[in-house]
């Protein structure tokens, strides 16, 4: 794809997708994060979702960690190595993972880390590798949303069954979930929503 085409796609994505995505994801997360939580957002990025979440849920406070700390983040963000969360066992009420695990080389390992640190819950939003052309669609979305920020793109998407196994391996179970997030308006939703996204609150087994 040419540089001009990529810039055009980036412009459309920023104008029509990003703001809605932030608002809708924060809305779903606001229903999943336990009351009064101290929240650690792993892979916080610029902190835009965390900021929107706190506006909807003034009872919680969110801080972040990320491999690449961007300038001018909306919440305090510390650097970490992408593998080990720099917090003690069961020391944070809620760990938040928003479209992070598929960017890691070992999603299950980081999920275990989240379970180690979380006192009450792990709240996750990620992709599901299910359906027609799922891999190609998810790769396109990832490139469009993340490539310009220098985010690694290993495309480690999991099927719904693989997610279930990963949760069990981390000693977690689904306490509440959302399968239809409505991130995109029609007609984009017909291609980019489908069953490709989920959000869930996970608790210790």
C-alpha atoms as a PDB file:
ATOM      1  CA  UNK A   1       0.000   0.000   0.000  1.00  0.00           C
ATOM      2  CA  UNK A   2       1.371   3.441  -0.941  1.00  0.00           C
ATOM      3  CA  UNK A   3       2.322   6.110   1.600  1.00  0.00           C
ATOM      4  CA  UNK A   4      -0.423   8.403   0.244  1.00  0.00           C
ATOM      5  CA  UNK A   5      -3.084   5.701   0.671  1.00  0.00           C
ATOM      6  CA  UNK A   6      -1.879   4.990   4.207  1.00  0.00           C
ATOM      7  CA  UNK A   7      -2.080   8.696   5.108  1.00  0.00           C
ATOM      8  CA  UNK A   8      -5.630   8.868   3.750  1.00  0.00           C
ATOM      9  CA  UNK A   9      -6.655   5.788   5.739  1.00  0.00           C
ATOM     10  CA  UNK A  10      -5.009   7.227   8.866  1.00  0.00           C
ATOM     11  CA  UNK A  11      -6.928  10.472   8.443  1.00  0.00           C
ATOM     12  CA  UNK A  12     -10.283   8.744   8.073  1.00  0.00           C
ATOM     13  CA  UNK A  13      -9.487   6.385  10.948  1.00  0.00           C
ATOM     14  CA  UNK A  14      -8.569   9.247  13.285  1.00  0.00           C
ATOM     15  CA  UNK A  15     -11.578  11.360  12.348  1.00  0.00           C
ATOM     16  CA  UNK A  16     -14.338   8.759  12.297  1.00  0.00           C
ATOM     17  CA  UNK A  17     -13.144   5.761  14.311  1.00  0.00           C
ATOM     18  CA  UNK A  18     -10.811   6.658  17.191  1.00  0.00           C
ATOM     19  CA  UNK A  19     -13.112   8.954  19.166  1.00  0.00           C
ATOM     20  CA  UNK A  20     -16.059   6.572  18.965  1.00  0.00           C
ATOM     21  CA  UNK A  21     -13.865   3.576  19.805  1.00  0.00           C
ATOM     22  CA  UNK A  22     -12.514   5.269  22.940  1.00  0.00           C
ATOM     23  CA  UNK A  23     -15.995   6.238  24.116  1.00  0.00           C
ATOM     24  CA  UNK A  24     -17.580   2.830  23.448  1.00  0.00           C
ATOM     25  CA  UNK A  25     -14.751   0.778  24.976  1.00  0.00           C
ATOM     26  CA  UNK A  26     -14.725   3.003  28.075  1.00  0.00           C
ATOM     27  CA  UNK A  27     -18.487   2.521  28.381  1.00  0.00           C
ATOM     28  CA  UNK A  28     -18.159  -1.281  28.392  1.00  0.00           C
ATOM     29  CA  UNK A  29     -15.186  -1.204  30.754  1.00  0.00           C
ATOM     30  CA  UNK A  30     -17.111   1.060  33.135  1.00  0.00           C
ATOM     31  CA  UNK A  31     -19.575  -1.795  33.640  1.00  0.00           C
ATOM     32  CA  UNK A  32     -16.845  -4.355  34.255  1.00  0.00           C
ATOM     33  CA  UNK A  33     -14.352  -2.616  36.581  1.00  0.00           C
ATOM     34  CA  UNK A  34     -15.239  -3.289  40.258  1.00  0.00           C
ATOM     35  CA  UNK A  35     -16.345  -0.420  42.488  1.00  0.00           C
ATOM     36  CA  UNK A  36     -13.673   1.833  43.971  1.00  0.00           C
ATOM     37  CA  UNK A  37     -10.821   0.094  42.171  1.00  0.00           C
ATOM     38  CA  UNK A  38      -7.203   1.114  42.008  1.00  0.00           C
ATOM     39  CA  UNK A  39      -6.619   0.221  38.342  1.00  0.00           C
ATOM     40  CA  UNK A  40      -3.344  -0.474  36.546  1.00  0.00           C
ATOM     41  CA  UNK A  41      -3.705  -0.100  32.775  1.00  0.00           C
ATOM     42  CA  UNK A  42      -1.107  -2.396  31.184  1.00  0.00           C
ATOM     43  CA  UNK A  43      -0.225  -1.086  27.726  1.00  0.00           C
ATOM     44  CA  UNK A  44      -1.924   2.231  28.453  1.00  0.00           C
ATOM     45  CA  UNK A  45      -0.770   4.046  25.320  1.00  0.00           C
ATOM     46  CA  UNK A  46      -1.691   7.719  25.544  1.00  0.00           C
ATOM     47  CA  UNK A  47      -4.187   6.964  28.314  1.00  0.00           C
ATOM     48  CA  UNK A  48      -7.200   8.185  26.341  1.00  0.00           C
ATOM     49  CA  UNK A  49      -9.370   5.173  27.214  1.00  0.00           C
ATOM     50  CA  UNK A  50      -8.319   5.375  30.865  1.00  0.00           C
ATOM     51  CA  UNK A  51      -9.245   9.071  30.966  1.00  0.00           C
ATOM     52  CA  UNK A  52     -12.659   8.403  29.413  1.00  0.00           C
ATOM     53  CA  UNK A  53     -13.176   5.526  31.842  1.00  0.00           C
ATOM     54  CA  UNK A  54     -12.430   7.719  34.868  1.00  0.00           C
ATOM     55  CA  UNK A  55     -14.864  10.354  33.602  1.00  0.00           C
ATOM     56  CA  UNK A  56     -17.576   7.699  33.502  1.00  0.00           C
ATOM     57  CA  UNK A  57     -16.466   6.132  36.779  1.00  0.00           C
ATOM     58  CA  UNK A  58     -15.242   8.850  39.196  1.00  0.00           C
ATOM     59  CA  UNK A  59     -14.970   6.213  41.950  1.00  0.00           C
ATOM     60  CA  UNK A  60     -11.863   4.659  40.338  1.00  0.00           C
ATOM     61  CA  UNK A  61      -8.313   5.834  39.656  1.00  0.00           C
ATOM     62  CA  UNK A  62      -6.205   4.564  36.748  1.00  0.00           C
ATOM     63  CA  UNK A  63      -2.433   4.649  36.281  1.00  0.00           C
ATOM     64  CA  UNK A  64      -0.548   2.966  33.477  1.00  0.00           C
ATOM     65  CA  UNK A  65       2.527   1.118  32.281  1.00  0.00           C
ATOM     66  CA  UNK A  66       3.702   0.636  28.712  1.00  0.00           C
ATOM     67  CA  UNK A  67       6.703  -0.532  26.710  1.00  0.00           C
ATOM     68  CA  UNK A  68       6.689   2.748  24.778  1.00  0.00           C
ATOM     69  CA  UNK A  69       5.789   5.748  26.931  1.00  0.00           C
ATOM     70  CA  UNK A  70       4.318   8.436  24.708  1.00  0.00           C
ATOM     71  CA  UNK A  71       4.812  12.151  25.419  1.00  0.00           C
ATOM     72  CA  UNK A  72       1.886  13.958  27.022  1.00  0.00           C
ATOM     73  CA  UNK A  73      -0.085  10.964  28.295  1.00  0.00           C
ATOM     74  CA  UNK A  74      -3.480  11.611  29.898  1.00  0.00           C
ATOM     75  CA  UNK A  75      -2.624   9.493  32.957  1.00  0.00           C
ATOM     76  CA  UNK A  76       0.666   8.742  34.722  1.00  0.00           C
ATOM     77  CA  UNK A  77       2.448   6.031  32.693  1.00  0.00           C
ATOM     78  CA  UNK A  78       5.651   4.215  33.636  1.00  0.00           C
ATOM     79  CA  UNK A  79       7.852   2.149  31.355  1.00  0.00           C
ATOM     80  CA  UNK A  80       8.020  -1.632  31.739  1.00  0.00           C
ATOM     81  CA  UNK A  81       9.687  -4.435  29.821  1.00  0.00           C
ATOM     82  CA  UNK A  82       6.489  -5.907  28.368  1.00  0.00           C
ATOM     83  CA  UNK A  83       6.892  -9.175  30.255  1.00  0.00           C
ATOM     84  CA  UNK A  84       6.919  -8.637  34.016  1.00  0.00           C
ATOM     85  CA  UNK A  85       4.482  -6.208  35.603  1.00  0.00           C
ATOM     86  CA  UNK A  86       6.495  -4.191  38.172  1.00  0.00           C
ATOM     87  CA  UNK A  87       4.069  -4.733  41.059  1.00  0.00           C
ATOM     88  CA  UNK A  88       3.905  -7.191  43.955  1.00  0.00           C
ATOM     89  CA  UNK A  89       1.562 -10.191  44.073  1.00  0.00           C
ATOM     90  CA  UNK A  90      -2.116  -9.263  44.617  1.00  0.00           C
ATOM     91  CA  UNK A  91      -1.134  -5.600  45.085  1.00  0.00           C
ATOM     92  CA  UNK A  92      -3.498  -3.876  42.608  1.00  0.00           C
ATOM     93  CA  UNK A  93      -7.296  -4.111  42.724  1.00  0.00           C
ATOM     94  CA  UNK A  94      -7.838  -4.383  38.972  1.00  0.00           C
ATOM     95  CA  UNK A  95      -5.513  -4.956  36.030  1.00  0.00           C
ATOM     96  CA  UNK A  96      -6.736  -3.537  32.723  1.00  0.00           C
ATOM     97  CA  UNK A  97      -5.624  -5.003  29.365  1.00  0.00           C
ATOM     98  CA  UNK A  98      -7.121  -3.215  26.361  1.00  0.00           C
ATOM     99  CA  UNK A  99      -6.024  -4.647  22.998  1.00  0.00           C
ATOM    100  CA  UNK A 100      -2.628  -5.477  24.485  1.00  0.00           C
ATOM    101  CA  UNK A 101      -2.203  -9.229  24.615  1.00  0.00           C
ATOM    102  CA  UNK A 102      -2.239  -9.774  20.851  1.00  0.00           C
ATOM    103  CA  UNK A 103       0.717  -7.363  20.609  1.00  0.00           C
ATOM    104  CA  UNK A 104       2.904  -9.608  22.796  1.00  0.00           C
ATOM    105  CA  UNK A 105       5.009 -12.595  21.798  1.00  0.00           C
ATOM    106  CA  UNK A 106       3.437 -14.650  24.594  1.00  0.00           C
ATOM    107  CA  UNK A 107      -0.111 -13.475  25.432  1.00  0.00           C
ATOM    108  CA  UNK A 108      -0.657 -16.241  27.993  1.00  0.00           C
ATOM    109  CA  UNK A 109       2.478 -15.290  29.927  1.00  0.00           C
ATOM    110  CA  UNK A 110       1.396 -11.648  30.291  1.00  0.00           C
ATOM    111  CA  UNK A 111      -2.094 -12.781  31.252  1.00  0.00           C
ATOM    112  CA  UNK A 112      -0.539 -14.877  34.041  1.00  0.00           C
ATOM    113  CA  UNK A 113       1.352 -11.770  35.171  1.00  0.00           C
ATOM    114  CA  UNK A 114      -1.916  -9.826  35.294  1.00  0.00           C
ATOM    115  CA  UNK A 115      -3.482 -12.595  37.383  1.00  0.00           C
ATOM    116  CA  UNK A 116      -0.485 -12.539  39.737  1.00  0.00           C
ATOM    117  CA  UNK A 117      -0.778  -8.821  40.408  1.00  0.00           C
ATOM    118  CA  UNK A 118      -4.582  -8.465  40.439  1.00  0.00           C
ATOM    119  CA  UNK A 119      -6.232  -8.560  43.842  1.00  0.00           C
ATOM    120  CA  UNK A 120      -9.806  -8.528  42.611  1.00  0.00           C
ATOM    121  CA  UNK A 121     -10.129  -8.698  38.817  1.00  0.00           C
ATOM    122  CA  UNK A 122      -8.484  -8.628  35.410  1.00  0.00           C
ATOM    123  CA  UNK A 123     -10.558  -6.648  32.914  1.00  0.00           C
ATOM    124  CA  UNK A 124      -9.733  -7.341  29.294  1.00  0.00           C
ATOM    125  CA  UNK A 125     -10.770  -6.117  25.856  1.00  0.00           C
ATOM    126  CA  UNK A 126      -9.231  -7.969  22.931  1.00  0.00           C
ATOM    127  CA  UNK A 127      -9.863  -9.658  19.588  1.00  0.00           C
ATOM    128  CA  UNK A 128     -11.274 -13.063  18.684  1.00  0.00           C
ATOM    129  CA  UNK A 129      -9.893 -14.950  15.682  1.00  0.00           C
ATOM    130  CA  UNK A 130     -13.220 -16.361  14.547  1.00  0.00           C
ATOM    131  CA  UNK A 131     -15.165 -15.957  11.318  1.00  0.00           C
ATOM    132  CA  UNK A 132     -14.593 -15.334   7.625  1.00  0.00           C
ATOM    133  CA  UNK A 133     -11.349 -13.442   6.834  1.00  0.00           C
ATOM    134  CA  UNK A 134     -10.891 -12.743  10.549  1.00  0.00           C
ATOM    135  CA  UNK A 135      -7.095 -12.719  10.431  1.00  0.00           C
ATOM    136  CA  UNK A 136      -6.926 -10.374   7.442  1.00  0.00           C
ATOM    137  CA  UNK A 137      -9.486  -7.990   8.965  1.00  0.00           C
ATOM    138  CA  UNK A 138      -7.757  -7.867  12.353  1.00  0.00           C
ATOM    139  CA  UNK A 139      -4.354  -7.308  10.744  1.00  0.00           C
ATOM    140  CA  UNK A 140      -5.745  -4.397   8.726  1.00  0.00           C
ATOM    141  CA  UNK A 141      -7.255  -2.822  11.861  1.00  0.00           C
ATOM    142  CA  UNK A 142      -4.004  -3.284  13.795  1.00  0.00           C
ATOM    143  CA  UNK A 143      -1.851  -1.725  11.085  1.00  0.00           C
ATOM    144  CA  UNK A 144      -4.197   1.221  10.675  1.00  0.00           C
ATOM    145  CA  UNK A 145      -4.461   1.961  14.387  1.00  0.00           C
ATOM    146  CA  UNK A 146      -0.958   1.195  15.603  1.00  0.00           C
ATOM    147  CA  UNK A 147       1.723   1.208  12.918  1.00  0.00           C
ATOM    148  CA  UNK A 148       2.253   4.980  13.026  1.00  0.00           C
ATOM    149  CA  UNK A 149       2.840   4.808  16.803  1.00  0.00           C
ATOM    150  CA  UNK A 150       5.661   2.267  16.472  1.00  0.00           C
ATOM    151  CA  UNK A 151       3.654  -0.462  18.212  1.00  0.00           C
ATOM    152  CA  UNK A 152       4.868  -4.032  17.612  1.00  0.00           C
ATOM    153  CA  UNK A 153       2.510  -6.051  15.423  1.00  0.00           C
ATOM    154  CA  UNK A 154       3.083  -9.799  15.922  1.00  0.00           C
ATOM    155  CA  UNK A 155      -0.637 -10.467  15.235  1.00  0.00           C
ATOM    156  CA  UNK A 156      -1.002 -13.048  17.994  1.00  0.00           C
ATOM    157  CA  UNK A 157      -4.775 -13.392  17.847  1.00  0.00           C
ATOM    158  CA  UNK A 158      -6.552 -16.210  19.678  1.00  0.00           C
ATOM    159  CA  UNK A 159      -9.752 -18.080  18.904  1.00  0.00           C
ATOM    160  CA  UNK A 160     -12.517 -18.126  21.499  1.00  0.00           C
ATOM    161  CA  UNK A 161     -11.480 -21.622  22.545  1.00  0.00           C
ATOM    162  CA  UNK A 162      -7.849 -20.556  22.892  1.00  0.00           C
ATOM    163  CA  UNK A 163      -8.950 -17.646  25.099  1.00  0.00           C
ATOM    164  CA  UNK A 164     -10.842 -20.060  27.357  1.00  0.00           C
ATOM    165  CA  UNK A 165      -7.735 -22.235  27.691  1.00  0.00           C
ATOM    166  CA  UNK A 166      -5.571 -19.154  28.373  1.00  0.00           C
ATOM    167  CA  UNK A 167      -7.909 -17.983  31.142  1.00  0.00           C
ATOM    168  CA  UNK A 168      -7.847 -21.409  32.785  1.00  0.00           C
ATOM    169  CA  UNK A 169      -4.051 -21.552  32.485  1.00  0.00           C
ATOM    170  CA  UNK A 170      -3.808 -18.200  34.292  1.00  0.00           C
ATOM    171  CA  UNK A 171      -6.130 -19.382  37.054  1.00  0.00           C
ATOM    172  CA  UNK A 172      -8.933 -17.058  35.969  1.00  0.00           C
ATOM    173  CA  UNK A 173     -12.587 -17.481  35.094  1.00  0.00           C
ATOM    174  CA  UNK A 174     -15.034 -15.211  33.280  1.00  0.00           C
ATOM    175  CA  UNK A 175     -17.277 -13.361  35.746  1.00  0.00           C
ATOM    176  CA  UNK A 176     -18.963 -11.116  33.153  1.00  0.00           C
ATOM    177  CA  UNK A 177     -18.452 -10.509  29.443  1.00  0.00           C
ATOM    178  CA  UNK A 178     -19.634  -8.593  26.386  1.00  0.00           C
ATOM    179  CA  UNK A 179     -19.453 -10.140  22.913  1.00  0.00           C
ATOM    180  CA  UNK A 180     -21.031  -7.375  20.802  1.00  0.00           C
ATOM    181  CA  UNK A 181     -19.270  -4.110  21.503  1.00  0.00           C
ATOM    182  CA  UNK A 182     -20.579  -1.937  18.673  1.00  0.00           C
ATOM    183  CA  UNK A 183     -17.279  -0.143  18.111  1.00  0.00           C
ATOM    184  CA  UNK A 184     -18.086   1.000  14.580  1.00  0.00           C
ATOM    185  CA  UNK A 185     -21.156   2.603  12.972  1.00  0.00           C
ATOM    186  CA  UNK A 186     -22.813   0.911   9.985  1.00  0.00           C
ATOM    187  CA  UNK A 187     -21.732   0.010   7.371  1.00  0.00           C
ATOM    188  CA  UNK A 188     -18.209  -0.314   8.861  1.00  0.00           C
ATOM    189  CA  UNK A 189     -19.648  -2.476  11.645  1.00  0.00           C
ATOM    190  CA  UNK A 190     -20.590  -5.163   9.108  1.00  0.00           C
ATOM    191  CA  UNK A 191     -16.887  -5.691   8.384  1.00  0.00           C
ATOM    192  CA  UNK A 192     -15.014  -4.631  11.517  1.00  0.00           C
ATOM    193  CA  UNK A 193     -17.348  -5.567  14.413  1.00  0.00           C
ATOM    194  CA  UNK A 194     -18.941  -8.956  13.720  1.00  0.00           C
ATOM    195  CA  UNK A 195     -17.649 -11.369  16.433  1.00  0.00           C
ATOM    196  CA  UNK A 196     -14.083 -10.022  16.313  1.00  0.00           C
ATOM    197  CA  UNK A 197     -14.072  -8.268  19.703  1.00  0.00           C
ATOM    198  CA  UNK A 198     -14.912  -9.054  23.306  1.00  0.00           C
ATOM    199  CA  UNK A 199     -14.598  -7.540  26.749  1.00  0.00           C
ATOM    200  CA  UNK A 200     -14.633  -9.479  30.001  1.00  0.00           C
ATOM    201  CA  UNK A 201     -14.111  -9.279  33.747  1.00  0.00           C
ATOM    202  CA  UNK A 202     -11.978 -12.176  34.930  1.00  0.00           C
ATOM    203  CA  UNK A 203     -11.682 -13.231  38.562  1.00  0.00           C
ATOM    204  CA  UNK A 204      -9.510 -15.786  40.329  1.00  0.00           C
ATOM    205  CA  UNK A 205     -10.812 -19.356  40.244  1.00  0.00           C
END
